[in-house]
C-alpha atoms as a PDB file:
ATOM      1  CA  MET A   1      17.579  10.543  16.010  1.00  0.00           C
ATOM      2  CA  PHE A   2      15.673   7.290  15.454  1.00  0.00           C
ATOM      3  CA  LEU A   3      13.502   7.833  18.509  1.00  0.00           C
ATOM      4  CA  SER A   4      12.486  11.332  17.429  1.00  0.00           C
ATOM      5  CA  ALA A   5      11.611  10.089  13.913  1.00  0.00           C
ATOM      6  CA  LEU A   6       9.551   7.278  15.429  1.00  0.00           C
ATOM      7  CA  VAL A   7       7.665   9.642  17.760  1.00  0.00           C
ATOM      8  CA  PHE A   8       7.075  12.071  14.879  1.00  0.00           C
ATOM      9  CA  SER A   9       5.723   9.283  12.634  1.00  0.00           C
ATOM     10  CA  ILE A  10       3.377   8.007  15.326  1.00  0.00           C
ATOM     11  CA  THR A  11       2.119  11.525  16.024  1.00  0.00           C
ATOM     12  CA  VAL A  12       1.505  12.292  12.348  1.00  0.00           C
ATOM     13  CA  LEU A  13      -0.384   9.025  11.827  1.00  0.00           C
ATOM     14  CA  TRP A  14      -2.472   9.635  14.958  1.00  0.00           C
ATOM     15  CA  LEU A  15      -3.319  13.194  13.868  1.00  0.00           C
ATOM     16  CA  TYR A  16      -4.159  12.028  10.339  1.00  0.00           C
ATOM     17  CA  ARG A  17      -6.515   9.355  11.655  1.00  0.00           C
ATOM     18  CA  ARG A  18      -8.235  11.869  13.922  1.00  0.00           C
ATOM     19  CA  ALA A  19      -8.570  14.429  11.095  1.00  0.00           C
ATOM     20  CA  VAL A  20      -9.909  11.988   8.513  1.00  0.00           C
ATOM     21  CA  PHE A  21     -12.059   9.677  10.609  1.00  0.00           C
ATOM     22  CA  GLY A  22     -12.739  11.710  13.734  1.00  0.00           C
ATOM     23  CA  ILE A  23     -13.145   9.897  17.006  1.00  0.00           C
ATOM     24  CA  ILE A  24     -13.914   6.267  16.231  1.00  0.00           C
ATOM     25  CA  SER A  25     -16.533   4.637  18.420  1.00  0.00           C
ATOM     26  CA  GLU A  26     -17.351   0.962  18.844  1.00  0.00           C
ATOM     27  CA  ALA A  27     -20.671   1.432  17.036  1.00  0.00           C
ATOM     28  CA  MET A  28     -18.823   2.724  13.972  1.00  0.00           C
ATOM     29  CA  ILE A  29     -16.590  -0.338  13.936  1.00  0.00           C
ATOM     30  CA  ARG A  30     -19.544  -2.717  14.255  1.00  0.00           C
ATOM     31  CA  SER A  31     -21.237  -1.120  11.232  1.00  0.00           C
ATOM     32  CA  LEU A  32     -18.280  -1.897   8.920  1.00  0.00           C
ATOM     33  CA  GLU A  33     -18.737  -4.732   6.442  1.00  0.00           C
ATOM     34  CA  ASP A  34     -16.222  -7.375   5.402  1.00  0.00           C
ATOM     35  CA  LEU A  35     -14.549  -7.413   2.027  1.00  0.00           C
ATOM     36  CA  GLN A  36     -16.643  -8.560  -0.902  1.00  0.00           C
ATOM     37  CA  LYS A  37     -15.435 -11.234  -3.360  1.00  0.00           C
ATOM     38  CA  ARG A  38     -14.411  -8.652  -5.943  1.00  0.00           C
ATOM     39  CA  GLU A  39     -12.236  -6.812  -3.415  1.00  0.00           C
ATOM     40  CA  ILE A  40     -10.645 -10.069  -2.240  1.00  0.00           C
ATOM     41  CA  TYR A  41      -9.801 -11.112  -5.823  1.00  0.00           C
ATOM     42  CA  LEU A  42      -8.334  -7.716  -6.653  1.00  0.00           C
ATOM     43  CA  SER A  43      -6.283  -7.593  -3.454  1.00  0.00           C
ATOM     44  CA  SER A  44      -5.044 -11.138  -4.049  1.00  0.00           C
ATOM     45  CA  PHE A  45      -3.975 -10.225  -7.578  1.00  0.00           C
ATOM     46  CA  PHE A  46      -1.942  -7.244  -6.401  1.00  0.00           C
ATOM     47  CA  ILE A  47      -0.374  -9.217  -3.542  1.00  0.00           C
ATOM     48  CA  LEU A  48       0.686 -11.971  -5.956  1.00  0.00           C
ATOM     49  CA  LEU A  49       2.001  -9.410  -8.436  1.00  0.00           C
ATOM     50  CA  THR A  50       4.041  -7.758  -5.684  1.00  0.00           C
ATOM     51  CA  LEU A  51       5.482 -11.108  -4.619  1.00  0.00           C
ATOM     52  CA  LEU A  52       6.291 -11.994  -8.235  1.00  0.00           C
ATOM     53  CA  LEU A  53       8.076  -8.684  -8.781  1.00  0.00           C
ATOM     54  CA  GLY A  54       9.994  -9.117  -5.534  1.00  0.00           C
ATOM     55  CA  LEU A  55      11.032 -12.735  -6.064  1.00  0.00           C
ATOM     56  CA  TYR A  56      11.611 -12.780  -9.834  1.00  0.00           C
ATOM     57  CA  PRO A  57      12.039  -9.229 -11.204  1.00  0.00           C
ATOM     58  CA  GLU A  58      14.244 -10.038 -14.228  1.00  0.00           C
ATOM     59  CA  PRO A  59      11.520 -10.188 -16.932  1.00  0.00           C
ATOM     60  CA  PHE A  60      10.158  -6.817 -15.856  1.00  0.00           C
ATOM     61  CA  ILE A  61      13.580  -5.195 -15.550  1.00  0.00           C
ATOM     62  CA  GLY A  62      14.621  -6.595 -18.951  1.00  0.00           C
ATOM     63  CA  ALA A  63      11.501  -5.178 -20.587  1.00  0.00           C
ATOM     64  CA  ALA A  64      12.129  -1.792 -18.971  1.00  0.00           C
ATOM     65  CA  HIS A  65      15.716  -1.754 -20.297  1.00  0.00           C
ATOM     66  CA  LYS A  66      14.511  -2.526 -23.824  1.00  0.00           C
ATOM     67  CA  ILE A  67      11.970   0.299 -23.679  1.00  0.00           C
ATOM     68  CA  ALA A  68      14.549   2.710 -22.253  1.00  0.00           C
ATOM     69  CA  ARG A  69      16.928   2.015 -25.144  1.00  0.00           C
ATOM     70  CA  VAL A  70      14.215   2.676 -27.736  1.00  0.00           C
ATOM     71  CA  VAL A  71      12.946   5.966 -26.293  1.00  0.00           C
ATOM     72  CA  PRO A  72      15.236   8.883 -27.283  1.00  0.00           C
ATOM     73  CA  LEU A  73      16.140  11.469 -24.671  1.00  0.00           C
END
């Protein structure tokens, strides 16, 4: 079961890449630019936020519980 799911996932990702990007050549890869400062700062912010939520989720969960009690169903 696991092997078939793994093969299916790999096939779907391969087909998606081919459909979206086509056949990727070395010249296409060389023309790509690195991340700019703005993109690095934004990515860093989201990585830190993800780590914060994963390591210390209590303030966020507590706020969600308070909001859930206030909102009527």
